[in-house]
N, C-alpha and C. Protein backbone atom coordinates (compact mmCIF):
# COMPACT_ATOMS: atom_id res chain seq x y z
N UNK A 1 15.46 -25.25 24.07
CA UNK A 1 14.35 -24.77 23.25
C UNK A 1 13.71 -23.55 23.89
N UNK A 2 13.47 -23.58 25.22
CA UNK A 2 12.87 -22.46 25.91
C UNK A 2 13.76 -21.24 25.85
N UNK A 3 15.08 -21.46 25.94
CA UNK A 3 16.02 -20.34 25.88
C UNK A 3 15.97 -19.69 24.50
N UNK A 4 15.94 -20.50 23.45
CA UNK A 4 15.88 -19.97 22.09
C UNK A 4 14.59 -19.20 21.87
N UNK A 5 13.48 -19.75 22.36
CA UNK A 5 12.19 -19.07 22.19
C UNK A 5 12.19 -17.74 22.92
N UNK A 6 12.77 -17.72 24.12
CA UNK A 6 12.82 -16.48 24.88
C UNK A 6 13.68 -15.44 24.18
N UNK A 7 14.77 -15.88 23.58
CA UNK A 7 15.66 -14.96 22.86
C UNK A 7 14.93 -14.33 21.66
N UNK A 8 14.19 -15.16 20.93
CA UNK A 8 13.45 -14.64 19.78
C UNK A 8 12.34 -13.71 20.23
N UNK A 9 11.67 -14.07 21.34
CA UNK A 9 10.61 -13.21 21.86
C UNK A 9 11.15 -11.85 22.25
N UNK A 10 12.34 -11.82 22.86
CA UNK A 10 12.96 -10.54 23.24
C UNK A 10 13.30 -9.73 21.99
N UNK A 11 13.76 -10.43 20.95
CA UNK A 11 14.12 -9.72 19.71
C UNK A 11 12.90 -9.07 19.07
N UNK A 12 11.77 -9.76 19.10
CA UNK A 12 10.55 -9.22 18.51
C UNK A 12 9.94 -8.15 19.42
N UNK A 13 10.08 -8.34 20.73
CA UNK A 13 9.34 -7.53 21.70
C UNK A 13 9.77 -6.09 21.82
N UNK A 14 10.97 -5.74 21.39
CA UNK A 14 11.40 -4.34 21.48
C UNK A 14 10.58 -3.52 20.47
N UNK A 15 9.96 -2.40 20.88
CA UNK A 15 9.03 -1.67 20.01
C UNK A 15 9.59 -1.28 18.64
N UNK A 16 10.81 -0.77 18.60
CA UNK A 16 11.36 -0.36 17.30
C UNK A 16 11.57 -1.57 16.39
N UNK A 17 12.05 -2.68 16.95
CA UNK A 17 12.25 -3.88 16.14
C UNK A 17 10.90 -4.43 15.66
N UNK A 18 9.90 -4.39 16.55
CA UNK A 18 8.57 -4.85 16.15
C UNK A 18 8.03 -4.00 15.00
N UNK A 19 8.25 -2.69 15.07
CA UNK A 19 7.80 -1.81 13.99
C UNK A 19 8.47 -2.17 12.67
N UNK A 20 9.75 -2.47 12.72
CA UNK A 20 10.47 -2.87 11.51
C UNK A 20 9.91 -4.16 10.94
N UNK A 21 9.67 -5.13 11.80
CA UNK A 21 9.18 -6.42 11.34
C UNK A 21 7.79 -6.29 10.70
N UNK A 22 6.90 -5.56 11.37
CA UNK A 22 5.55 -5.42 10.82
C UNK A 22 5.57 -4.62 9.53
N UNK A 23 6.52 -3.70 9.38
CA UNK A 23 6.65 -2.95 8.13
C UNK A 23 7.02 -3.85 6.96
N UNK A 24 7.69 -4.97 7.25
CA UNK A 24 8.13 -5.89 6.20
C UNK A 24 7.09 -6.95 5.87
N UNK A 25 5.94 -6.89 6.50
CA UNK A 25 4.91 -7.92 6.28
C UNK A 25 4.32 -7.88 4.87
N UNK A 26 4.53 -6.78 4.15
CA UNK A 26 3.97 -6.71 2.80
C UNK A 26 4.90 -7.30 1.74
N UNK A 27 6.01 -7.92 2.16
CA UNK A 27 7.00 -8.56 1.29
C UNK A 27 7.84 -7.56 0.49
N UNK A 28 7.70 -6.27 0.76
CA UNK A 28 8.54 -5.29 0.09
C UNK A 28 9.85 -5.17 0.86
N UNK A 29 10.97 -5.35 0.16
CA UNK A 29 12.28 -5.19 0.80
C UNK A 29 12.52 -3.71 1.08
N UNK A 30 13.15 -3.43 2.22
CA UNK A 30 13.41 -2.04 2.59
C UNK A 30 14.85 -1.90 3.08
N UNK A 31 15.39 -0.70 2.91
CA UNK A 31 16.75 -0.43 3.38
C UNK A 31 16.72 -0.11 4.86
N UNK A 32 17.89 -0.10 5.46
CA UNK A 32 18.00 0.26 6.88
C UNK A 32 17.51 1.68 7.11
N UNK A 33 17.78 2.57 6.17
CA UNK A 33 17.34 3.96 6.30
C UNK A 33 15.82 4.04 6.33
N UNK A 34 15.17 3.29 5.44
CA UNK A 34 13.71 3.29 5.40
C UNK A 34 13.13 2.70 6.67
N UNK A 35 13.73 1.62 7.15
CA UNK A 35 13.23 0.98 8.37
C UNK A 35 13.46 1.85 9.59
N UNK A 36 14.57 2.59 9.60
CA UNK A 36 14.83 3.51 10.70
C UNK A 36 13.74 4.57 10.77
N UNK A 37 13.36 5.10 9.61
CA UNK A 37 12.32 6.13 9.57
C UNK A 37 10.98 5.56 10.03
N UNK A 38 10.66 4.35 9.60
CA UNK A 38 9.39 3.73 9.98
C UNK A 38 9.33 3.44 11.48
N UNK A 39 10.49 3.11 12.06
CA UNK A 39 10.55 2.79 13.48
C UNK A 39 10.79 4.02 14.35
N UNK A 40 11.12 5.15 13.72
CA UNK A 40 11.35 6.38 14.47
C UNK A 40 12.63 6.38 15.27
N UNK A 41 13.68 5.76 14.72
CA UNK A 41 14.97 5.72 15.41
C UNK A 41 16.07 6.22 14.47
N UNK A 42 17.23 6.50 15.03
CA UNK A 42 18.35 6.95 14.24
C UNK A 42 19.03 5.81 13.50
N UNK A 43 19.94 6.17 12.60
CA UNK A 43 20.60 5.18 11.75
C UNK A 43 21.40 4.18 12.57
N UNK A 44 22.16 4.66 13.56
CA UNK A 44 22.99 3.76 14.37
C UNK A 44 22.12 2.78 15.17
N UNK A 45 21.04 3.32 15.74
CA UNK A 45 20.13 2.46 16.51
C UNK A 45 19.47 1.43 15.61
N UNK A 46 19.06 1.86 14.42
CA UNK A 46 18.45 0.93 13.47
C UNK A 46 19.41 -0.18 13.09
N UNK A 47 20.67 0.18 12.88
CA UNK A 47 21.68 -0.82 12.53
C UNK A 47 21.81 -1.88 13.62
N UNK A 48 21.81 -1.43 14.87
CA UNK A 48 21.92 -2.36 16.00
C UNK A 48 20.69 -3.27 16.07
N UNK A 49 19.52 -2.69 15.84
CA UNK A 49 18.29 -3.50 15.87
C UNK A 49 18.29 -4.53 14.75
N UNK A 50 18.69 -4.12 13.57
CA UNK A 50 18.70 -5.05 12.43
C UNK A 50 19.70 -6.18 12.64
N UNK A 51 20.80 -5.87 13.30
CA UNK A 51 21.78 -6.91 13.63
C UNK A 51 21.13 -7.97 14.52
N UNK A 52 20.35 -7.51 15.51
CA UNK A 52 19.65 -8.44 16.40
C UNK A 52 18.66 -9.30 15.62
N UNK A 53 17.94 -8.68 14.72
CA UNK A 53 16.95 -9.42 13.95
C UNK A 53 17.60 -10.44 13.02
N UNK A 54 18.74 -10.07 12.45
CA UNK A 54 19.48 -11.00 11.59
C UNK A 54 20.01 -12.17 12.39
N UNK A 55 20.58 -11.89 13.54
CA UNK A 55 21.18 -12.94 14.38
C UNK A 55 20.14 -13.94 14.87
N UNK A 56 18.90 -13.47 15.00
CA UNK A 56 17.84 -14.36 15.48
C UNK A 56 17.02 -14.97 14.35
N UNK A 57 17.47 -14.78 13.10
CA UNK A 57 16.82 -15.42 11.97
C UNK A 57 15.45 -14.88 11.63
N UNK A 58 15.20 -13.62 12.02
CA UNK A 58 13.89 -13.03 11.76
C UNK A 58 13.84 -12.25 10.45
N UNK A 59 14.98 -11.75 10.01
CA UNK A 59 15.06 -11.06 8.72
C UNK A 59 16.22 -11.62 7.92
N UNK A 60 16.21 -11.32 6.64
CA UNK A 60 17.32 -11.65 5.76
C UNK A 60 17.70 -10.39 5.01
N UNK A 61 18.90 -10.37 4.45
CA UNK A 61 19.38 -9.17 3.77
C UNK A 61 19.98 -9.57 2.43
N UNK A 62 19.76 -8.72 1.44
CA UNK A 62 20.33 -8.94 0.11
C UNK A 62 20.96 -7.63 -0.36
N UNK A 63 22.13 -7.74 -0.97
CA UNK A 63 22.84 -6.55 -1.45
C UNK A 63 22.51 -6.30 -2.91
N UNK A 64 22.32 -5.03 -3.25
CA UNK A 64 22.11 -4.62 -4.64
C UNK A 64 22.85 -3.30 -4.83
N UNK A 65 23.98 -3.40 -5.51
CA UNK A 65 24.82 -2.20 -5.65
C UNK A 65 25.35 -1.77 -4.29
N UNK A 66 25.17 -0.52 -3.98
CA UNK A 66 25.65 -0.01 -2.68
C UNK A 66 24.62 -0.20 -1.57
N UNK A 67 23.45 -0.70 -1.91
CA UNK A 67 22.37 -0.78 -0.93
C UNK A 67 22.19 -2.21 -0.42
N UNK A 68 21.72 -2.31 0.82
CA UNK A 68 21.34 -3.59 1.41
C UNK A 68 19.86 -3.54 1.72
N UNK A 69 19.15 -4.55 1.26
CA UNK A 69 17.71 -4.58 1.41
C UNK A 69 17.30 -5.71 2.37
N UNK A 70 16.41 -5.38 3.29
CA UNK A 70 15.97 -6.32 4.30
C UNK A 70 14.55 -6.79 4.01
N UNK A 71 14.30 -8.05 4.36
CA UNK A 71 12.97 -8.62 4.24
C UNK A 71 12.80 -9.66 5.34
N UNK A 72 11.56 -10.09 5.58
CA UNK A 72 11.35 -11.15 6.56
C UNK A 72 12.06 -12.42 6.09
N UNK A 73 12.60 -13.16 7.04
CA UNK A 73 13.40 -14.33 6.68
C UNK A 73 12.55 -15.44 6.07
N UNK A 74 11.39 -15.70 6.64
CA UNK A 74 10.55 -16.82 6.17
C UNK A 74 9.07 -16.48 6.35
N UNK A 75 8.24 -17.28 5.73
CA UNK A 75 6.78 -17.14 5.92
C UNK A 75 6.40 -17.47 7.36
N UNK A 76 7.17 -18.33 8.02
CA UNK A 76 6.88 -18.68 9.41
C UNK A 76 7.01 -17.45 10.31
N UNK A 77 7.97 -16.58 10.01
CA UNK A 77 8.12 -15.34 10.78
C UNK A 77 6.87 -14.49 10.62
N UNK A 78 6.37 -14.38 9.39
CA UNK A 78 5.16 -13.59 9.13
C UNK A 78 3.97 -14.16 9.90
N UNK A 79 3.84 -15.48 9.91
CA UNK A 79 2.71 -16.09 10.63
C UNK A 79 2.82 -15.84 12.13
N UNK A 80 4.05 -15.88 12.66
CA UNK A 80 4.23 -15.61 14.08
C UNK A 80 3.84 -14.18 14.42
N UNK A 81 4.20 -13.24 13.55
CA UNK A 81 3.85 -11.84 13.78
C UNK A 81 2.34 -11.64 13.72
N UNK A 82 1.69 -12.30 12.77
CA UNK A 82 0.23 -12.19 12.66
C UNK A 82 -0.42 -12.74 13.92
N UNK A 83 0.08 -13.87 14.42
CA UNK A 83 -0.49 -14.46 15.63
C UNK A 83 -0.25 -13.57 16.85
N UNK A 84 0.90 -12.93 16.93
CA UNK A 84 1.17 -12.02 18.03
C UNK A 84 0.21 -10.84 18.03
N UNK A 85 -0.18 -10.42 16.83
CA UNK A 85 -1.17 -9.35 16.75
C UNK A 85 -2.48 -9.75 17.39
N UNK A 86 -2.83 -11.04 17.27
CA UNK A 86 -4.05 -11.54 17.89
C UNK A 86 -3.94 -11.51 19.40
N UNK A 87 -2.75 -11.81 19.92
CA UNK A 87 -2.54 -11.88 21.37
C UNK A 87 -2.31 -10.52 22.01
N UNK A 88 -2.28 -9.48 21.20
CA UNK A 88 -1.90 -8.17 21.72
C UNK A 88 -2.89 -7.60 22.73
N UNK A 89 -4.13 -8.02 22.70
CA UNK A 89 -5.11 -7.50 23.66
C UNK A 89 -5.95 -8.62 24.21
N UNK A 90 -6.31 -8.52 25.49
CA UNK A 90 -7.10 -9.59 26.11
C UNK A 90 -8.57 -9.52 25.70
N UNK A 91 -9.05 -8.31 25.39
CA UNK A 91 -10.43 -8.15 24.94
C UNK A 91 -10.43 -7.61 23.53
N UNK A 92 -11.11 -8.29 22.64
CA UNK A 92 -11.07 -7.91 21.23
C UNK A 92 -12.01 -6.74 20.95
N UNK A 93 -11.44 -5.67 20.44
CA UNK A 93 -12.20 -4.53 19.95
C UNK A 93 -11.45 -4.03 18.73
N UNK A 94 -12.00 -4.20 17.53
CA UNK A 94 -11.26 -3.85 16.32
C UNK A 94 -10.84 -2.38 16.31
N UNK A 95 -9.55 -2.14 16.16
CA UNK A 95 -9.04 -0.77 16.04
C UNK A 95 -8.26 -0.61 14.75
N UNK A 96 -8.25 -1.65 13.93
CA UNK A 96 -7.51 -1.62 12.68
C UNK A 96 -8.16 -0.62 11.72
N UNK A 97 -7.38 0.23 11.04
CA UNK A 97 -7.97 1.14 10.05
C UNK A 97 -8.80 0.37 9.04
N UNK A 98 -9.91 0.99 8.60
CA UNK A 98 -10.84 0.29 7.72
C UNK A 98 -10.18 -0.27 6.46
N UNK A 99 -9.24 0.49 5.88
CA UNK A 99 -8.61 0.03 4.65
C UNK A 99 -7.81 -1.24 4.89
N UNK A 100 -7.15 -1.34 6.03
CA UNK A 100 -6.39 -2.55 6.35
C UNK A 100 -7.31 -3.67 6.77
N UNK A 101 -8.37 -3.34 7.47
CA UNK A 101 -9.26 -4.39 7.95
C UNK A 101 -10.02 -5.03 6.80
N UNK A 102 -10.36 -4.27 5.77
CA UNK A 102 -11.09 -4.84 4.63
C UNK A 102 -10.24 -5.85 3.88
N UNK A 103 -9.05 -5.46 3.49
CA UNK A 103 -8.16 -6.37 2.74
C UNK A 103 -6.74 -5.86 2.83
N UNK A 104 -5.83 -6.76 3.11
CA UNK A 104 -4.41 -6.41 3.20
C UNK A 104 -3.60 -7.66 2.91
N UNK A 105 -2.30 -7.50 2.76
CA UNK A 105 -1.44 -8.66 2.60
C UNK A 105 -0.98 -9.14 3.97
N UNK A 106 -0.85 -10.43 4.10
CA UNK A 106 -0.19 -11.07 5.24
C UNK A 106 0.95 -11.88 4.62
N UNK A 107 2.10 -11.25 4.48
CA UNK A 107 3.24 -11.82 3.77
C UNK A 107 2.85 -12.10 2.32
N UNK A 108 2.48 -13.33 1.96
CA UNK A 108 2.22 -13.63 0.54
C UNK A 108 0.78 -14.04 0.26
N UNK A 109 -0.15 -13.72 1.18
CA UNK A 109 -1.54 -14.09 0.96
C UNK A 109 -2.45 -12.96 1.45
N UNK A 110 -3.75 -13.11 1.22
CA UNK A 110 -4.72 -12.06 1.53
C UNK A 110 -5.23 -12.22 2.95
N UNK A 111 -5.21 -11.11 3.69
CA UNK A 111 -5.71 -11.09 5.06
C UNK A 111 -6.84 -10.08 5.16
N UNK A 112 -7.34 -9.89 6.38
CA UNK A 112 -8.45 -8.99 6.60
C UNK A 112 -9.78 -9.66 6.30
N UNK A 113 -10.84 -8.83 6.23
CA UNK A 113 -12.17 -9.37 5.98
C UNK A 113 -12.19 -10.21 4.71
N UNK A 114 -11.53 -9.75 3.65
CA UNK A 114 -11.56 -10.48 2.38
C UNK A 114 -10.90 -11.84 2.51
N UNK A 115 -9.75 -11.91 3.17
CA UNK A 115 -9.07 -13.19 3.36
C UNK A 115 -9.92 -14.18 4.14
N UNK A 116 -10.62 -13.68 5.17
CA UNK A 116 -11.49 -14.54 5.97
C UNK A 116 -12.68 -15.01 5.12
N UNK A 117 -13.24 -14.10 4.32
CA UNK A 117 -14.39 -14.47 3.48
C UNK A 117 -14.01 -15.53 2.45
N UNK A 118 -12.83 -15.41 1.86
CA UNK A 118 -12.38 -16.41 0.91
C UNK A 118 -12.17 -17.76 1.60
N UNK A 119 -11.54 -17.74 2.77
CA UNK A 119 -11.33 -18.96 3.55
C UNK A 119 -12.66 -19.66 3.84
N UNK A 120 -13.60 -18.91 4.40
CA UNK A 120 -14.89 -19.50 4.78
C UNK A 120 -15.68 -19.95 3.55
N UNK A 121 -15.58 -19.16 2.47
CA UNK A 121 -16.32 -19.50 1.26
C UNK A 121 -15.82 -20.77 0.61
N UNK A 122 -14.52 -20.96 0.57
CA UNK A 122 -13.97 -22.17 -0.04
C UNK A 122 -14.39 -23.42 0.73
N UNK A 123 -14.44 -23.32 2.04
CA UNK A 123 -14.86 -24.47 2.84
C UNK A 123 -16.36 -24.68 2.73
N UNK A 124 -17.14 -23.59 2.78
CA UNK A 124 -18.60 -23.71 2.69
C UNK A 124 -19.04 -24.30 1.35
N UNK A 125 -18.31 -23.98 0.28
CA UNK A 125 -18.67 -24.49 -1.05
C UNK A 125 -18.12 -25.89 -1.29
N UNK A 126 -17.39 -26.42 -0.33
CA UNK A 126 -16.85 -27.76 -0.49
C UNK A 126 -15.62 -27.82 -1.36
N UNK A 127 -14.96 -26.69 -1.57
CA UNK A 127 -13.73 -26.68 -2.36
C UNK A 127 -12.55 -27.20 -1.55
N UNK A 128 -12.61 -26.97 -0.25
CA UNK A 128 -11.58 -27.46 0.66
C UNK A 128 -12.25 -28.26 1.77
N UNK A 129 -11.60 -29.33 2.20
CA UNK A 129 -12.09 -30.07 3.36
C UNK A 129 -11.71 -29.31 4.62
N UNK A 130 -12.27 -29.66 5.78
CA UNK A 130 -11.86 -29.02 7.03
C UNK A 130 -10.36 -29.18 7.33
N UNK A 131 -9.73 -30.19 6.70
CA UNK A 131 -8.28 -30.39 6.86
C UNK A 131 -7.50 -29.68 5.76
N UNK A 132 -8.18 -28.88 4.94
CA UNK A 132 -7.57 -28.06 3.89
C UNK A 132 -7.00 -28.87 2.73
N UNK A 133 -7.64 -30.01 2.46
CA UNK A 133 -7.31 -30.77 1.25
C UNK A 133 -8.23 -30.31 0.13
N UNK A 134 -7.73 -30.27 -1.09
CA UNK A 134 -8.51 -29.84 -2.23
C UNK A 134 -9.46 -30.96 -2.66
N UNK A 135 -10.72 -30.62 -2.86
CA UNK A 135 -11.71 -31.59 -3.31
C UNK A 135 -11.82 -31.54 -4.83
N UNK A 136 -12.57 -32.50 -5.40
CA UNK A 136 -12.80 -32.48 -6.85
C UNK A 136 -13.55 -31.22 -7.25
N UNK A 137 -14.53 -30.83 -6.43
CA UNK A 137 -15.27 -29.60 -6.71
C UNK A 137 -14.34 -28.40 -6.64
N UNK A 138 -13.41 -28.44 -5.70
CA UNK A 138 -12.45 -27.35 -5.57
C UNK A 138 -11.53 -27.25 -6.77
N UNK A 139 -11.09 -28.40 -7.26
CA UNK A 139 -10.22 -28.40 -8.44
C UNK A 139 -10.94 -27.81 -9.64
N UNK A 140 -12.24 -28.15 -9.79
CA UNK A 140 -13.02 -27.59 -10.90
C UNK A 140 -13.23 -26.09 -10.70
N UNK A 141 -13.52 -25.69 -9.46
CA UNK A 141 -13.75 -24.29 -9.19
C UNK A 141 -12.52 -23.44 -9.41
N UNK A 142 -11.37 -23.94 -8.98
CA UNK A 142 -10.12 -23.20 -9.19
C UNK A 142 -9.77 -23.13 -10.67
N UNK A 143 -10.02 -24.24 -11.39
CA UNK A 143 -9.74 -24.25 -12.82
C UNK A 143 -10.60 -23.21 -13.54
N UNK A 144 -11.84 -23.06 -13.10
CA UNK A 144 -12.73 -22.06 -13.70
C UNK A 144 -12.22 -20.65 -13.44
N UNK A 145 -11.47 -20.48 -12.34
CA UNK A 145 -10.88 -19.19 -12.01
C UNK A 145 -9.50 -19.02 -12.64
N UNK A 146 -9.05 -20.04 -13.37
CA UNK A 146 -7.75 -19.96 -14.01
C UNK A 146 -6.61 -20.45 -13.17
N UNK A 147 -6.91 -21.19 -12.10
CA UNK A 147 -5.88 -21.74 -11.23
C UNK A 147 -5.94 -23.27 -11.30
N UNK A 148 -5.02 -23.86 -12.05
CA UNK A 148 -4.96 -25.31 -12.16
C UNK A 148 -4.27 -25.90 -10.94
N UNK A 149 -4.78 -27.00 -10.45
CA UNK A 149 -4.19 -27.64 -9.27
C UNK A 149 -2.72 -27.98 -9.50
N UNK A 150 -2.35 -28.32 -10.75
CA UNK A 150 -0.97 -28.69 -11.04
C UNK A 150 -0.02 -27.52 -10.80
N UNK A 151 -0.53 -26.29 -11.01
CA UNK A 151 0.30 -25.11 -10.80
C UNK A 151 0.60 -24.93 -9.32
N UNK A 152 -0.29 -25.43 -8.48
CA UNK A 152 -0.16 -25.25 -7.04
C UNK A 152 0.60 -26.39 -6.38
N UNK A 153 1.05 -27.36 -7.19
CA UNK A 153 1.75 -28.52 -6.63
C UNK A 153 3.19 -28.16 -6.32
N UNK A 154 3.41 -27.60 -5.15
CA UNK A 154 4.75 -27.22 -4.71
C UNK A 154 5.10 -27.99 -3.47
N UNK A 155 6.31 -27.82 -3.00
CA UNK A 155 6.74 -28.51 -1.79
C UNK A 155 6.17 -27.89 -0.52
N UNK A 156 5.70 -26.65 -0.63
CA UNK A 156 5.12 -26.01 0.54
C UNK A 156 3.72 -26.54 0.78
N UNK A 157 3.17 -26.30 1.95
CA UNK A 157 1.83 -26.77 2.27
C UNK A 157 0.82 -26.15 1.31
N UNK A 158 -0.13 -26.96 0.86
CA UNK A 158 -1.08 -26.50 -0.14
C UNK A 158 -1.96 -25.38 0.41
N UNK A 159 -2.56 -25.62 1.58
CA UNK A 159 -3.45 -24.62 2.18
C UNK A 159 -3.55 -24.88 3.67
N UNK A 160 -3.69 -23.81 4.43
CA UNK A 160 -3.90 -23.94 5.88
C UNK A 160 -4.47 -22.62 6.40
N UNK A 161 -4.96 -22.67 7.64
CA UNK A 161 -5.55 -21.50 8.27
C UNK A 161 -4.46 -20.64 8.91
N UNK A 162 -4.58 -19.33 8.71
CA UNK A 162 -3.68 -18.37 9.35
C UNK A 162 -4.58 -17.42 10.14
N UNK A 163 -4.37 -17.33 11.44
CA UNK A 163 -5.24 -16.53 12.29
C UNK A 163 -5.09 -15.05 11.98
N UNK A 164 -6.20 -14.38 11.72
CA UNK A 164 -6.20 -12.98 11.30
C UNK A 164 -6.28 -12.07 12.52
N UNK A 165 -5.34 -11.13 12.65
CA UNK A 165 -5.29 -10.32 13.87
C UNK A 165 -6.36 -9.25 13.93
N UNK A 166 -6.95 -8.85 12.81
CA UNK A 166 -8.01 -7.85 12.87
C UNK A 166 -9.40 -8.48 12.97
N UNK A 167 -9.56 -9.68 12.39
CA UNK A 167 -10.87 -10.34 12.40
C UNK A 167 -10.99 -11.40 13.50
N UNK A 168 -9.85 -11.85 14.04
CA UNK A 168 -9.80 -12.91 15.05
C UNK A 168 -10.43 -14.20 14.54
N UNK A 169 -10.34 -14.39 13.23
CA UNK A 169 -10.76 -15.62 12.58
C UNK A 169 -9.69 -15.99 11.58
N UNK A 170 -9.85 -17.13 10.92
CA UNK A 170 -8.80 -17.61 10.02
C UNK A 170 -8.97 -17.08 8.61
N UNK A 171 -7.83 -16.71 8.00
CA UNK A 171 -7.82 -16.48 6.56
C UNK A 171 -6.97 -17.57 5.90
N UNK A 172 -6.92 -17.58 4.59
CA UNK A 172 -6.33 -18.69 3.85
C UNK A 172 -4.87 -18.43 3.50
N UNK A 173 -3.99 -19.34 3.93
CA UNK A 173 -2.56 -19.22 3.65
C UNK A 173 -2.09 -20.46 2.89
N UNK A 174 -0.78 -20.54 2.67
CA UNK A 174 -0.21 -21.66 1.93
C UNK A 174 -0.06 -21.34 0.45
N UNK A 175 0.27 -22.38 -0.33
CA UNK A 175 0.45 -22.19 -1.77
C UNK A 175 -0.81 -21.66 -2.43
N UNK A 176 -1.97 -22.12 -1.98
CA UNK A 176 -3.22 -21.66 -2.55
C UNK A 176 -3.45 -20.18 -2.27
N UNK A 177 -3.25 -19.77 -1.02
CA UNK A 177 -3.43 -18.37 -0.67
C UNK A 177 -2.50 -17.46 -1.45
N UNK A 178 -1.25 -17.89 -1.62
CA UNK A 178 -0.28 -17.08 -2.37
C UNK A 178 -0.67 -16.99 -3.85
N UNK A 179 -1.14 -18.10 -4.41
CA UNK A 179 -1.52 -18.10 -5.82
C UNK A 179 -2.73 -17.20 -6.07
N UNK A 180 -3.68 -17.19 -5.13
CA UNK A 180 -4.86 -16.34 -5.28
C UNK A 180 -4.45 -14.87 -5.24
N UNK A 181 -3.57 -14.50 -4.32
CA UNK A 181 -3.11 -13.11 -4.26
C UNK A 181 -2.38 -12.72 -5.54
N UNK A 182 -1.47 -13.58 -6.00
CA UNK A 182 -0.73 -13.28 -7.23
C UNK A 182 -1.67 -13.10 -8.42
N UNK A 183 -2.65 -13.99 -8.51
CA UNK A 183 -3.59 -13.91 -9.62
C UNK A 183 -4.44 -12.64 -9.53
N UNK A 184 -4.92 -12.33 -8.32
CA UNK A 184 -5.77 -11.15 -8.14
C UNK A 184 -5.04 -9.86 -8.48
N UNK A 185 -3.75 -9.81 -8.17
CA UNK A 185 -2.95 -8.63 -8.51
C UNK A 185 -2.68 -8.57 -10.01
N UNK A 186 -2.35 -9.73 -10.60
CA UNK A 186 -2.05 -9.77 -12.04
C UNK A 186 -3.27 -9.39 -12.88
N UNK A 187 -4.46 -9.83 -12.45
CA UNK A 187 -5.68 -9.53 -13.19
C UNK A 187 -6.31 -8.21 -12.77
N UNK A 188 -5.66 -7.54 -11.83
CA UNK A 188 -6.12 -6.24 -11.33
C UNK A 188 -7.48 -6.32 -10.65
N UNK A 189 -7.73 -7.46 -10.02
CA UNK A 189 -8.90 -7.57 -9.16
C UNK A 189 -8.63 -6.86 -7.84
N UNK A 190 -7.36 -6.87 -7.46
CA UNK A 190 -6.91 -6.15 -6.27
C UNK A 190 -5.77 -5.25 -6.67
N UNK A 191 -5.62 -4.14 -5.94
CA UNK A 191 -4.54 -3.20 -6.21
C UNK A 191 -3.85 -2.87 -4.89
N UNK A 192 -2.52 -2.97 -4.90
CA UNK A 192 -1.74 -2.66 -3.69
C UNK A 192 -1.73 -1.16 -3.42
N UNK A 193 -1.78 -0.81 -2.14
CA UNK A 193 -1.53 0.56 -1.75
C UNK A 193 -0.01 0.78 -1.73
N UNK A 194 0.43 1.92 -2.19
CA UNK A 194 1.87 2.17 -2.32
C UNK A 194 2.57 2.30 -0.97
N UNK A 195 1.85 2.68 0.07
CA UNK A 195 2.49 3.00 1.34
C UNK A 195 2.10 2.11 2.50
N UNK A 196 1.32 1.07 2.24
CA UNK A 196 0.91 0.20 3.34
C UNK A 196 0.62 -1.20 2.81
N UNK A 197 0.15 -2.07 3.68
CA UNK A 197 -0.18 -3.43 3.29
C UNK A 197 -1.61 -3.55 2.75
N UNK A 198 -2.35 -2.46 2.72
CA UNK A 198 -3.75 -2.55 2.33
C UNK A 198 -3.89 -2.89 0.85
N UNK A 199 -5.00 -3.55 0.53
CA UNK A 199 -5.36 -3.93 -0.84
C UNK A 199 -6.70 -3.31 -1.17
N UNK A 200 -6.79 -2.71 -2.33
CA UNK A 200 -8.05 -2.12 -2.79
C UNK A 200 -8.75 -3.09 -3.72
N UNK A 201 -10.03 -3.32 -3.48
CA UNK A 201 -10.83 -4.17 -4.36
C UNK A 201 -11.32 -3.30 -5.51
N UNK A 202 -10.95 -3.64 -6.72
CA UNK A 202 -11.32 -2.85 -7.89
C UNK A 202 -12.72 -3.23 -8.38
N UNK A 203 -13.21 -2.50 -9.38
CA UNK A 203 -14.51 -2.84 -9.98
C UNK A 203 -14.47 -4.25 -10.57
N UNK A 204 -13.38 -4.58 -11.25
CA UNK A 204 -13.23 -5.94 -11.79
C UNK A 204 -13.16 -6.96 -10.66
N UNK A 205 -12.55 -6.56 -9.56
CA UNK A 205 -12.45 -7.45 -8.40
C UNK A 205 -13.80 -7.74 -7.78
N UNK A 206 -14.70 -6.76 -7.80
CA UNK A 206 -16.03 -7.00 -7.27
C UNK A 206 -16.78 -8.04 -8.13
N UNK A 207 -16.52 -7.99 -9.44
CA UNK A 207 -17.11 -9.00 -10.32
C UNK A 207 -16.56 -10.39 -10.01
N UNK A 208 -15.25 -10.46 -9.76
CA UNK A 208 -14.61 -11.72 -9.39
C UNK A 208 -15.21 -12.28 -8.10
N UNK A 209 -15.40 -11.41 -7.12
CA UNK A 209 -15.94 -11.86 -5.84
C UNK A 209 -17.40 -12.28 -5.98
N UNK A 210 -18.15 -11.59 -6.84
CA UNK A 210 -19.54 -12.01 -7.08
C UNK A 210 -19.59 -13.44 -7.61
N UNK A 211 -18.67 -13.77 -8.53
CA UNK A 211 -18.64 -15.13 -9.09
C UNK A 211 -18.29 -16.16 -8.03
N UNK A 212 -17.51 -15.74 -7.03
CA UNK A 212 -17.15 -16.65 -5.94
C UNK A 212 -18.22 -16.69 -4.85
N UNK A 213 -19.22 -15.85 -4.98
CA UNK A 213 -20.27 -15.82 -3.98
C UNK A 213 -19.89 -15.07 -2.72
N UNK A 214 -18.89 -14.20 -2.83
CA UNK A 214 -18.47 -13.40 -1.67
C UNK A 214 -19.19 -12.06 -1.73
N UNK A 215 -19.98 -11.77 -0.72
CA UNK A 215 -20.78 -10.55 -0.69
C UNK A 215 -19.90 -9.38 -0.29
């Protein structure tokens, strides 16, 4: 087990590979050419790095026509990367760009200040227990927002805390976190940035947050 963990840590720890992995945190699939540019390496070097990431189960690849598209292998990989961001410095001093710190994606859920505010708000309002079980009040509150509990009944964990690397507090992950992000994008409460993981809160989104009691 220790040998496997060390091997994965080495795979993540190389700067160019780390850049590739963090670039995939927004769930957008990218080609080797795109990842090479993001990591600042040549095509051959990028190919070697991607081979390492594939062999260690950190990314997956899908073919479409002549192109091969890479993405993070699992949500667990995304959570590990988010946690590593927290461990990156011994003394916390936020250096995250404001747009990313306010709201961004963490794989399939909302991170940053907004993700933390939603997490804390759901617990403070009694929608979730400290163990992240949905309460009766929570079921009513989600239904009022258009999210029925039955829609969230999947095999994955319903809800859990994911440590936020810019806020050093927990944001909301799991099936609930993913459903909230999907709904917010579909209703245009949030808008994705085309070139990064940041999320813009729209005018309609501010109304949504007001109803949730998020300042």
